Amino acid sequence: MSISPSRGALVSVLVLSLAAPLGGVLPADARPERSAARSTPRQIDFEQWTTTRGLASGRLSGVRASNGLVRLGSPVGTRTYVDPHRGTRKTYAFGRWTSRWTAPGFALTELVPSWDATTPGDSWVQIAVRGRAPSGRRSSWDTIANWSREDPTMRRTSLGSQSDDLARVAVDTLVTHSASGLASWQLRVTLLRRKGTDAVPTLDMVGAMASRLPQVNRVRTSRPGVARGVVLNVPEYSQMTHRGHYPQFGNGGEAWCSPTSTSMVLGYYHGLPERSEYAWVRRSPDRFVDHAARMTYDYEYDGTGNWPFNTAYAATYVKSAFVTRLRSLREAERFTKARIPLVASIAFGRGELDGAPIGSSNGHLLVIAGFTRSGDVVVNDPAAASNRTVRRVYDRGQFENAWVPKSGGLVYVIRTKDRDLPERTLPHSW
């Protein structure tokens, strides 16, 4: 994960996904407070809509669902948008897709949406979410993102806390004000195009991960599982070789752990952008990393660590990408066995992660590439000084405690068509 100086936190037990020193800073209310309680469940539920039938189950207004996509059809209205980061004022025509109410089966306290969209020309999408309390009270719609893949016409951005009723927004995460949580949630995607143009933005996938997690300092180390001795051939890229690059997109180095990790996974799938796409990058090692940083940059958060911005970027090159949480490394091993590397969000203090290229981090993203025969974690850590030192092995217990209690086990799941997700069990987190 990467968190920048302004990213204030995604969720109570998660490590934010944006870009601060080496990735991210936990919000005050996201920091663990007590030791692990074996009896407290880690409640996680991921729901998504990806098929024509699933997308058509939502409420369609000015959009149509066909061939696995929602397309802007006959707009139902117009709105004026003043881009706070460009100062431009434009009028856009729009249509909307709204999901059904979804109940995870527990009172959620955090929600992280994910989406896969195309935004040709001067078009973009707005992702909003609202919740319903156990009492039946509904929250207002809170905007998670105004998102466009490119940035010449509008600047993709989160919108601040919007702390007005039942919840607030922490960059890319809806966080409830009360421990009583929300019984259900609803997503709304607005598809917009510049008035007078014929651009057709589309929505390929939309979903969200809901969670309610115990706030703990430590978890018991899981026993090695199905991926002992399996290591994926993930290419190795260092964020540090980009130190000082493009101050307008985070200045490289410490701030670029998230786009560098995302690029490593895309490289594993041979899914990196074409050279023509990053021809604007001045001479640099691994110029596609600079490209990823620009295309994941959140102009409000002022960083490249916005979690769903990274997966939305990755999804434009591969079949599927989304943000979720896992309960332990045993679940992560199931992805390794399925040949799917994971981008994981961790945080650790001095002496808590032996062999790390940095002494500590309040929020950092790296790639889980596999496991040794004894069950320790093989990672590609972009904080290494050079590409040749990115591959590391971390103690299983130390890594699990830098990951599960700190970010809630948050990961990016990025995959291609030939990689099926592991079989799901209920409640499911993918």
Protein backbone atom coordinates (compact mmCIF):
# COMPACT_ATOMS: atom_id res chain seq x y z
CA MET A 1 0.00 0.00 0.00
CA SER A 2 1.24 3.35 -0.37
CA ILE A 3 0.17 6.36 1.53
CA SER A 4 1.10 9.84 1.03
CA PRO A 5 1.38 12.62 3.53
CA SER A 6 -2.29 13.50 3.21
CA ARG A 7 -3.76 10.07 3.06
CA GLY A 8 -5.49 9.65 6.22
CA ALA A 9 -6.67 6.14 6.43
CA LEU A 10 -8.92 3.76 4.97
CA VAL A 11 -10.45 1.79 7.62
CA SER A 12 -10.18 1.02 11.14
CA VAL A 13 -7.89 -1.91 10.99
CA LEU A 14 -6.51 -1.46 7.62
CA VAL A 15 -3.40 0.26 6.62
CA LEU A 16 -4.28 2.93 4.23
CA SER A 17 -3.58 2.42 0.66
CA LEU A 18 -1.96 5.53 -0.33
CA ALA A 19 1.45 6.97 -0.42
CA ALA A 20 3.29 8.11 2.68
CA PRO A 21 6.75 7.13 3.67
CA LEU A 22 6.99 3.87 1.89
CA GLY A 23 3.37 3.53 1.48
CA GLY A 24 0.89 4.59 4.07
CA VAL A 25 -0.04 5.93 7.44
CA LEU A 26 -2.62 4.33 9.67
CA PRO A 27 -5.34 6.66 10.86
CA ALA A 28 -5.52 7.09 14.59
CA ASP A 29 -8.74 5.11 14.82
CA ALA A 30 -7.21 2.31 12.73
CA ARG A 31 -4.40 1.49 15.10
CA PRO A 32 -4.61 -1.74 17.06
CA GLU A 33 -5.27 -1.50 20.77
CA ARG A 34 -5.17 -4.94 22.31
CA SER A 35 -3.81 -8.41 22.02
CA ALA A 36 -5.35 -11.00 19.76
CA ALA A 37 -8.56 -12.56 20.96
CA ARG A 38 -8.97 -16.04 19.55
CA SER A 39 -12.74 -15.93 19.84
CA THR A 40 -13.22 -12.72 17.83
CA PRO A 41 -13.92 -13.54 14.18
CA ARG A 42 -12.38 -11.71 11.26
CA GLN A 43 -15.52 -10.89 9.31
CA ILE A 44 -14.91 -10.14 5.63
CA ASP A 45 -17.27 -10.26 2.66
CA PHE A 46 -16.56 -9.36 -0.96
CA GLU A 47 -19.34 -8.87 -3.51
CA GLN A 48 -19.02 -7.84 -7.13
CA TRP A 49 -21.08 -7.53 -10.32
CA THR A 50 -19.28 -8.64 -13.47
CA THR A 51 -21.78 -10.30 -15.82
CA THR A 52 -24.57 -8.87 -17.93
CA ARG A 53 -27.12 -10.53 -15.67
CA GLY A 54 -25.47 -9.28 -12.52
CA LEU A 55 -25.06 -5.73 -13.78
CA ALA A 56 -28.64 -5.73 -15.09
CA SER A 57 -29.84 -6.54 -11.57
CA GLY A 58 -28.96 -2.99 -10.58
CA ARG A 59 -31.12 0.05 -11.21
CA LEU A 60 -30.31 1.46 -14.66
CA SER A 61 -30.93 5.11 -15.41
CA GLY A 62 -29.64 6.40 -18.74
CA VAL A 63 -27.35 3.38 -19.07
CA ARG A 64 -27.78 -0.12 -20.50
CA ALA A 65 -26.28 -3.48 -19.60
CA SER A 66 -25.14 -5.80 -22.40
CA ASN A 67 -22.18 -8.01 -23.27
CA GLY A 68 -20.92 -7.89 -19.69
CA LEU A 69 -20.78 -4.09 -19.58
CA VAL A 70 -22.80 -1.11 -18.46
CA ARG A 71 -22.66 1.62 -21.11
CA LEU A 72 -23.78 5.19 -21.01
CA GLY A 73 -26.75 5.25 -23.38
CA SER A 74 -29.29 8.08 -23.37
CA PRO A 75 -28.21 10.43 -20.55
CA VAL A 76 -30.86 11.39 -18.03
CA GLY A 77 -29.40 14.74 -17.10
CA THR A 78 -26.47 17.12 -17.12
CA ARG A 79 -24.28 18.52 -14.39
CA THR A 80 -21.61 21.15 -14.17
CA TYR A 81 -18.32 19.97 -12.75
CA VAL A 82 -15.63 22.33 -11.52
CA ASP A 83 -12.38 20.39 -11.38
CA PRO A 84 -10.80 21.48 -8.07
CA HIS A 85 -7.33 20.48 -9.29
CA ARG A 86 -7.47 22.05 -12.76
CA GLY A 87 -9.85 24.95 -12.19
CA THR A 88 -11.84 24.03 -15.28
CA ARG A 89 -15.63 24.24 -15.45
CA LYS A 90 -17.43 21.86 -17.82
CA THR A 91 -20.89 20.45 -18.37
CA TYR A 92 -21.32 16.68 -18.55
CA ALA A 93 -24.23 14.45 -19.52
CA PHE A 94 -24.70 11.45 -17.25
CA GLY A 95 -26.46 8.17 -16.56
CA ARG A 96 -26.36 6.00 -13.42
CA TRP A 97 -26.11 2.41 -12.30
CA THR A 98 -27.15 1.65 -8.71
CA SER A 99 -26.64 -1.70 -7.03
CA ARG A 100 -29.17 -3.52 -4.93
CA TRP A 101 -28.79 -3.31 -1.16
CA THR A 102 -26.24 -5.92 -0.07
CA ALA A 103 -26.09 -7.39 3.44
CA PRO A 104 -22.82 -9.14 4.36
CA GLY A 105 -24.39 -10.97 7.31
CA PHE A 106 -22.57 -8.91 9.94
CA ALA A 107 -22.47 -5.26 10.99
CA LEU A 108 -19.70 -3.89 8.80
CA THR A 109 -17.49 -1.05 9.98
CA GLU A 110 -15.41 -0.55 6.80
CA LEU A 111 -16.10 -0.76 3.09
CA VAL A 112 -13.64 -0.48 0.18
CA PRO A 113 -15.13 -0.36 -3.34
CA SER A 114 -13.39 -1.59 -6.50
CA TRP A 115 -14.25 -0.97 -10.14
CA ASP A 116 -13.11 -1.61 -13.68
CA ALA A 117 -14.13 1.09 -16.15
CA THR A 118 -13.17 2.64 -19.47
CA THR A 119 -13.25 6.41 -19.89
CA PRO A 120 -12.56 7.43 -23.52
CA GLY A 121 -12.21 11.06 -24.49
CA ASP A 122 -13.53 13.54 -21.97
CA SER A 123 -15.47 11.04 -19.86
CA TRP A 124 -15.21 9.70 -16.32
CA VAL A 125 -17.03 7.78 -13.61
CA GLN A 126 -18.05 8.70 -10.08
CA ILE A 127 -18.18 5.97 -7.41
CA ALA A 128 -20.45 6.60 -4.41
CA VAL A 129 -21.60 4.46 -1.51
CA ARG A 130 -24.16 4.62 1.26
CA GLY A 131 -25.07 2.36 4.15
CA ARG A 132 -28.06 1.33 6.22
CA ALA A 133 -27.78 0.99 9.99
CA PRO A 134 -29.29 -1.97 11.89
CA SER A 135 -32.06 0.45 12.91
CA GLY A 136 -32.94 1.00 9.25
CA ARG A 137 -31.57 4.54 9.08
CA ARG A 138 -29.85 5.28 5.78
CA SER A 139 -26.74 7.38 5.36
CA SER A 140 -26.23 9.97 2.65
CA TRP A 141 -24.38 9.07 -0.53
CA ASP A 142 -20.65 9.58 0.01
CA THR A 143 -18.36 9.87 -3.01
CA ILE A 144 -15.35 7.59 -2.98
CA ALA A 145 -13.85 8.72 -6.27
CA ASN A 146 -14.14 10.84 -9.36
CA TRP A 147 -12.09 8.61 -11.64
CA SER A 148 -10.72 8.72 -15.15
CA ARG A 149 -7.94 6.51 -16.43
CA GLU A 150 -6.19 9.43 -18.11
CA ASP A 151 -5.57 12.86 -16.61
CA PRO A 152 -5.46 15.42 -19.44
CA THR A 153 -9.20 16.16 -19.30
CA MET A 154 -9.92 15.72 -15.58
CA ARG A 155 -7.90 14.92 -12.48
CA ARG A 156 -8.88 11.68 -10.75
CA THR A 157 -9.50 12.39 -7.11
CA SER A 158 -10.91 11.28 -3.81
CA LEU A 159 -13.16 13.84 -2.11
CA GLY A 160 -12.30 14.11 1.56
CA SER A 161 -14.01 12.82 4.69
CA GLN A 162 -17.70 13.77 4.05
CA SER A 163 -18.27 13.10 7.74
CA ASP A 164 -21.92 14.07 7.98
CA ASP A 165 -23.98 11.19 9.37
CA LEU A 166 -23.35 7.45 9.86
CA ALA A 167 -19.89 7.25 8.31
CA ARG A 168 -16.94 9.12 6.89
CA VAL A 169 -14.60 8.53 3.97
CA ALA A 170 -10.92 7.88 4.66
CA VAL A 171 -9.46 8.43 1.17
CA ASP A 172 -10.81 5.25 -0.44
CA THR A 173 -12.64 3.59 2.44
CA LEU A 174 -16.01 4.16 4.06
CA VAL A 175 -15.56 4.00 7.85
CA THR A 176 -18.51 3.98 10.24
CA HIS A 177 -18.70 6.41 13.14
CA SER A 178 -20.28 3.86 15.45
CA ALA A 179 -19.10 0.39 16.46
CA SER A 180 -22.66 -0.77 15.79
CA GLY A 181 -21.74 -0.57 12.12
CA LEU A 182 -23.95 -0.91 9.06
CA ALA A 183 -26.24 -3.80 8.25
CA SER A 184 -26.09 -3.32 4.47
CA TRP A 185 -24.56 -1.15 1.77
CA GLN A 186 -25.29 0.14 -1.71
CA LEU A 187 -23.04 1.38 -4.54
CA ARG A 188 -23.83 3.96 -7.20
CA VAL A 189 -21.76 4.54 -10.33
CA THR A 190 -22.39 7.67 -12.39
CA LEU A 191 -21.04 7.57 -15.95
CA LEU A 192 -20.34 11.01 -17.42
CA ARG A 193 -19.26 12.42 -20.79
CA ARG A 194 -18.65 15.98 -21.91
CA LYS A 195 -21.91 17.46 -23.16
CA GLY A 196 -22.02 17.52 -26.91
CA THR A 197 -19.58 14.63 -27.39
CA ASP A 198 -20.30 10.98 -28.19
CA ALA A 199 -17.82 9.34 -25.80
CA VAL A 200 -19.18 6.15 -24.25
CA PRO A 201 -17.73 5.37 -20.80
CA THR A 202 -18.34 1.80 -19.67
CA LEU A 203 -18.38 -0.12 -16.41
CA ASP A 204 -16.97 -3.65 -16.63
CA MET A 205 -17.03 -4.55 -12.95
CA VAL A 206 -17.97 -2.95 -9.68
CA GLY A 207 -17.97 -4.37 -6.18
CA ALA A 208 -16.87 -3.82 -2.62
CA MET A 209 -15.20 -5.51 0.31
CA ALA A 210 -17.03 -5.10 3.61
CA SER A 211 -15.32 -5.99 6.87
CA ARG A 212 -15.58 -5.96 10.62
CA LEU A 213 -12.26 -6.82 12.24
CA PRO A 214 -10.97 -7.11 15.78
CA GLN A 215 -8.47 -4.43 16.74
CA VAL A 216 -5.52 -6.48 17.90
CA ASN A 217 -1.78 -6.07 18.28
CA ARG A 218 -0.85 -9.59 17.25
CA VAL A 219 -2.23 -12.73 15.68
CA ARG A 220 -1.11 -16.32 16.04
CA THR A 221 1.15 -17.43 13.22
CA SER A 222 -0.76 -19.63 10.80
CA ARG A 223 0.51 -23.06 9.88
CA PRO A 224 2.02 -23.42 6.39
CA GLY A 225 -0.54 -24.56 3.85
CA VAL A 226 -0.88 -25.56 0.22
CA ALA A 227 1.87 -23.42 -1.33
CA ARG A 228 4.96 -24.55 0.54
CA GLY A 229 7.90 -24.42 -1.85
CA VAL A 230 5.93 -22.57 -4.57
CA VAL A 231 7.51 -19.32 -5.82
CA LEU A 232 6.11 -17.34 -8.75
CA ASN A 233 8.41 -15.72 -11.28
CA VAL A 234 7.39 -12.13 -10.55
CA PRO A 235 9.77 -9.54 -12.07
CA GLU A 236 11.63 -7.34 -9.63
CA TYR A 237 11.37 -3.55 -9.73
CA SER A 238 12.65 -1.09 -7.14
CA GLN A 239 10.74 2.05 -6.28
CA MET A 240 13.97 3.62 -5.02
CA THR A 241 15.51 3.80 -8.48
CA HIS A 242 12.78 6.38 -9.23
CA ARG A 243 13.66 8.69 -6.34
CA GLY A 244 13.03 12.32 -7.32
CA HIS A 245 10.99 11.47 -10.41
CA TYR A 246 8.00 13.63 -11.27
CA PRO A 247 7.28 15.64 -8.10
CA GLN A 248 3.79 16.33 -9.46
CA PHE A 249 3.05 12.59 -9.12
CA GLY A 250 4.63 11.96 -5.72
CA ASN A 251 8.35 12.38 -6.41
CA GLY A 252 9.15 8.67 -6.71
CA GLY A 253 11.19 6.79 -4.13
CA GLU A 254 9.40 6.26 -0.82
CA ALA A 255 6.02 7.30 -2.23
CA TRP A 256 5.81 4.81 -5.09
CA CYS A 257 5.55 1.41 -3.40
CA SER A 258 2.00 0.87 -4.62
CA PRO A 259 2.43 1.58 -8.36
CA THR A 260 5.76 -0.27 -8.33
CA SER A 261 4.13 -3.35 -6.77
CA THR A 262 1.22 -3.12 -9.20
CA SER A 263 3.71 -2.92 -12.08
CA MET A 264 5.51 -6.04 -10.85
CA VAL A 265 2.28 -8.02 -10.98
CA LEU A 266 1.41 -6.66 -14.43
CA GLY A 267 4.92 -7.60 -15.56
CA TYR A 268 4.37 -11.14 -14.27
CA TYR A 269 1.35 -11.41 -16.59
CA HIS A 270 3.20 -9.72 -19.49
CA GLY A 271 0.54 -7.05 -19.17
CA LEU A 272 2.58 -3.87 -18.86
CA PRO A 273 1.61 -0.84 -20.96
CA GLU A 274 2.95 -0.45 -24.48
CA ARG A 275 6.03 1.72 -24.88
CA SER A 276 3.98 4.32 -26.69
CA GLU A 277 1.95 4.83 -23.51
CA TYR A 278 4.97 5.90 -21.47
CA ALA A 279 6.89 7.67 -24.23
CA TRP A 280 6.41 10.88 -22.23
CA VAL A 281 8.65 9.54 -19.43
CA ARG A 282 12.18 10.89 -19.58
CA ARG A 283 15.06 8.43 -19.53
CA SER A 284 14.50 6.23 -16.51
CA PRO A 285 14.84 2.60 -15.47
CA ASP A 286 11.53 0.74 -15.81
CA ARG A 287 9.71 3.73 -17.27
CA PHE A 288 6.37 1.92 -16.93
CA VAL A 289 6.61 2.46 -13.16
CA ASP A 290 6.55 6.22 -13.71
CA HIS A 291 3.53 5.66 -15.96
CA ALA A 292 1.75 3.64 -13.27
CA ALA A 293 2.48 6.36 -10.70
CA ARG A 294 0.89 9.00 -12.90
CA MET A 295 -2.13 6.84 -13.71
CA THR A 296 -2.79 5.96 -10.04
CA TYR A 297 -2.13 9.43 -8.62
CA ASP A 298 -4.92 10.81 -6.43
CA TYR A 299 -4.85 14.59 -6.66
CA GLU A 300 -6.72 15.08 -3.38
CA TYR A 301 -4.77 12.56 -1.35
CA ASP A 302 -1.62 13.77 -3.08
CA GLY A 303 -0.21 10.30 -3.55
CA THR A 304 -0.19 7.08 -5.55
CA GLY A 305 -1.36 4.73 -2.81
CA ASN A 306 -5.11 4.92 -3.27
CA TRP A 307 -5.96 1.20 -3.25
CA PRO A 308 -8.82 1.03 -5.78
CA PHE A 309 -7.07 3.56 -8.03
CA ASN A 310 -4.29 0.98 -8.35
CA THR A 311 -6.61 -1.93 -9.07
CA ALA A 312 -8.69 0.16 -11.51
CA TYR A 313 -5.47 0.96 -13.37
CA ALA A 314 -4.37 -2.69 -13.38
CA ALA A 315 -7.79 -3.82 -14.61
CA THR A 316 -7.30 -1.88 -17.84
CA TYR A 317 -4.51 -4.35 -18.74
CA VAL A 318 -5.77 -7.66 -17.32
CA LYS A 319 -9.08 -9.42 -16.81
CA SER A 320 -9.79 -8.49 -13.23
CA ALA A 321 -8.41 -6.49 -10.32
CA PHE A 322 -9.97 -5.65 -6.98
CA VAL A 323 -9.21 -4.82 -3.35
CA THR A 324 -10.07 -7.21 -0.54
CA ARG A 325 -8.78 -8.60 2.72
CA LEU A 326 -7.60 -12.08 3.64
CA ARG A 327 -7.70 -13.69 7.07
CA SER A 328 -4.24 -15.27 7.14
CA LEU A 329 -1.33 -16.43 5.02
CA ARG A 330 -3.11 -19.74 4.56
CA GLU A 331 -5.60 -17.91 2.36
CA ALA A 332 -2.76 -16.11 0.57
CA GLU A 333 -1.18 -19.49 -0.18
CA ARG A 334 -4.28 -20.53 -2.07
CA PHE A 335 -3.66 -17.65 -4.47
CA THR A 336 -0.01 -18.58 -4.84
CA LYS A 337 -1.04 -22.13 -5.71
CA ALA A 338 -3.42 -20.68 -8.30
CA ARG A 339 -0.46 -18.73 -9.76
CA ILE A 340 -1.84 -15.36 -8.68
CA PRO A 341 0.66 -13.06 -6.91
CA LEU A 342 -0.83 -10.63 -4.39
CA VAL A 343 0.02 -7.04 -3.54
CA ALA A 344 -0.14 -6.81 0.27
CA SER A 345 -0.32 -3.83 2.62
CA ILE A 346 1.91 -4.03 5.72
CA ALA A 347 3.25 -1.83 8.51
CA PHE A 348 6.01 -2.56 11.02
CA GLY A 349 8.28 -1.01 13.61
CA ARG A 350 12.00 -1.37 14.15
CA GLY A 351 13.07 -4.97 14.70
CA GLU A 352 9.68 -6.35 13.66
CA LEU A 353 10.54 -7.52 10.12
CA ASP A 354 13.98 -9.04 9.80
CA GLY A 355 15.67 -8.55 6.45
CA ALA A 356 13.50 -5.64 5.32
CA PRO A 357 15.36 -3.01 3.27
CA ILE A 358 13.95 -0.28 5.54
CA GLY A 359 13.89 -0.19 9.32
CA SER A 360 10.19 0.58 9.74
CA SER A 361 7.12 1.78 7.88
CA ASN A 362 3.69 3.01 8.89
CA GLY A 363 2.32 1.77 5.58
CA HIS A 364 3.99 -0.13 2.75
CA LEU A 365 2.98 -2.27 -0.22
CA LEU A 366 4.86 -5.24 -1.62
CA VAL A 367 4.20 -8.42 -3.61
CA ILE A 368 3.69 -11.87 -2.10
CA ALA A 369 5.50 -13.98 -4.69
CA GLY A 370 5.48 -17.35 -2.92
CA PHE A 371 6.54 -19.43 0.06
CA THR A 372 9.58 -21.42 1.10
CA ARG A 373 9.28 -25.12 1.95
CA SER A 374 9.16 -24.19 5.63
CA GLY A 375 6.33 -21.70 5.01
CA ASP A 376 8.19 -18.40 5.20
CA VAL A 377 7.07 -15.67 2.81
CA VAL A 378 8.90 -14.91 -0.42
CA VAL A 379 8.26 -11.30 -1.42
CA ASN A 380 9.23 -8.72 -3.98
CA ASP A 381 9.84 -5.71 -1.77
CA PRO A 382 10.05 -2.55 -3.90
CA ALA A 383 11.72 -0.63 -1.06
CA ALA A 384 15.01 -2.36 -1.93
CA ALA A 385 17.72 -0.06 -3.24
CA SER A 386 18.01 -1.83 -6.60
CA ASN A 387 16.10 -4.33 -8.72
CA ARG A 388 18.56 -7.11 -7.94
CA THR A 389 17.84 -6.87 -4.20
CA VAL A 390 14.03 -6.72 -4.41
CA ARG A 391 13.48 -10.47 -3.79
CA ARG A 392 13.41 -11.20 -0.03
CA VAL A 393 12.32 -13.92 2.38
CA TYR A 394 10.46 -12.83 5.51
CA ASP A 395 9.71 -14.87 8.59
CA ARG A 396 6.13 -16.13 8.40
CA GLY A 397 5.12 -14.95 11.87
CA GLN A 398 6.75 -11.54 11.52
CA PHE A 399 5.16 -10.95 8.13
CA GLU A 400 1.72 -12.10 9.25
CA ASN A 401 1.84 -9.68 12.17
CA ALA A 402 2.96 -6.82 9.93
CA TRP A 403 0.03 -7.56 7.63
CA VAL A 404 -3.08 -8.96 9.35
CA PRO A 405 -3.30 -6.73 12.47
CA LYS A 406 -2.01 -3.64 10.67
CA SER A 407 -3.94 -3.48 7.39
CA GLY A 408 -6.52 -6.13 8.17
CA GLY A 409 -4.85 -8.45 5.65
CA LEU A 410 -5.48 -6.07 2.76
CA VAL A 411 -4.44 -7.17 -0.75
CA TYR A 412 -4.83 -6.29 -4.40
CA VAL A 413 -6.00 -9.33 -6.39
CA ILE A 414 -4.89 -8.90 -10.01
CA ARG A 415 -5.32 -11.70 -12.54
CA THR A 416 -5.65 -12.60 -16.22
CA LYS A 417 -8.22 -14.78 -17.97
CA ASP A 418 -6.13 -17.93 -17.60
CA ARG A 419 -5.96 -17.59 -13.80
CA ASP A 420 -9.08 -18.79 -12.00
CA LEU A 421 -9.63 -17.58 -8.46
CA PRO A 422 -9.27 -20.21 -5.73
CA GLU A 423 -12.52 -21.95 -4.81
CA ARG A 424 -14.53 -19.77 -2.46
CA THR A 425 -15.87 -20.68 0.94
CA LEU A 426 -18.44 -18.79 2.96
CA PRO A 427 -18.16 -16.11 4.13
CA HIS A 428 -16.00 -15.26 1.13
CA SER A 429 -13.43 -12.53 0.71
CA TRP A 430 -13.04 -12.97 -3.05
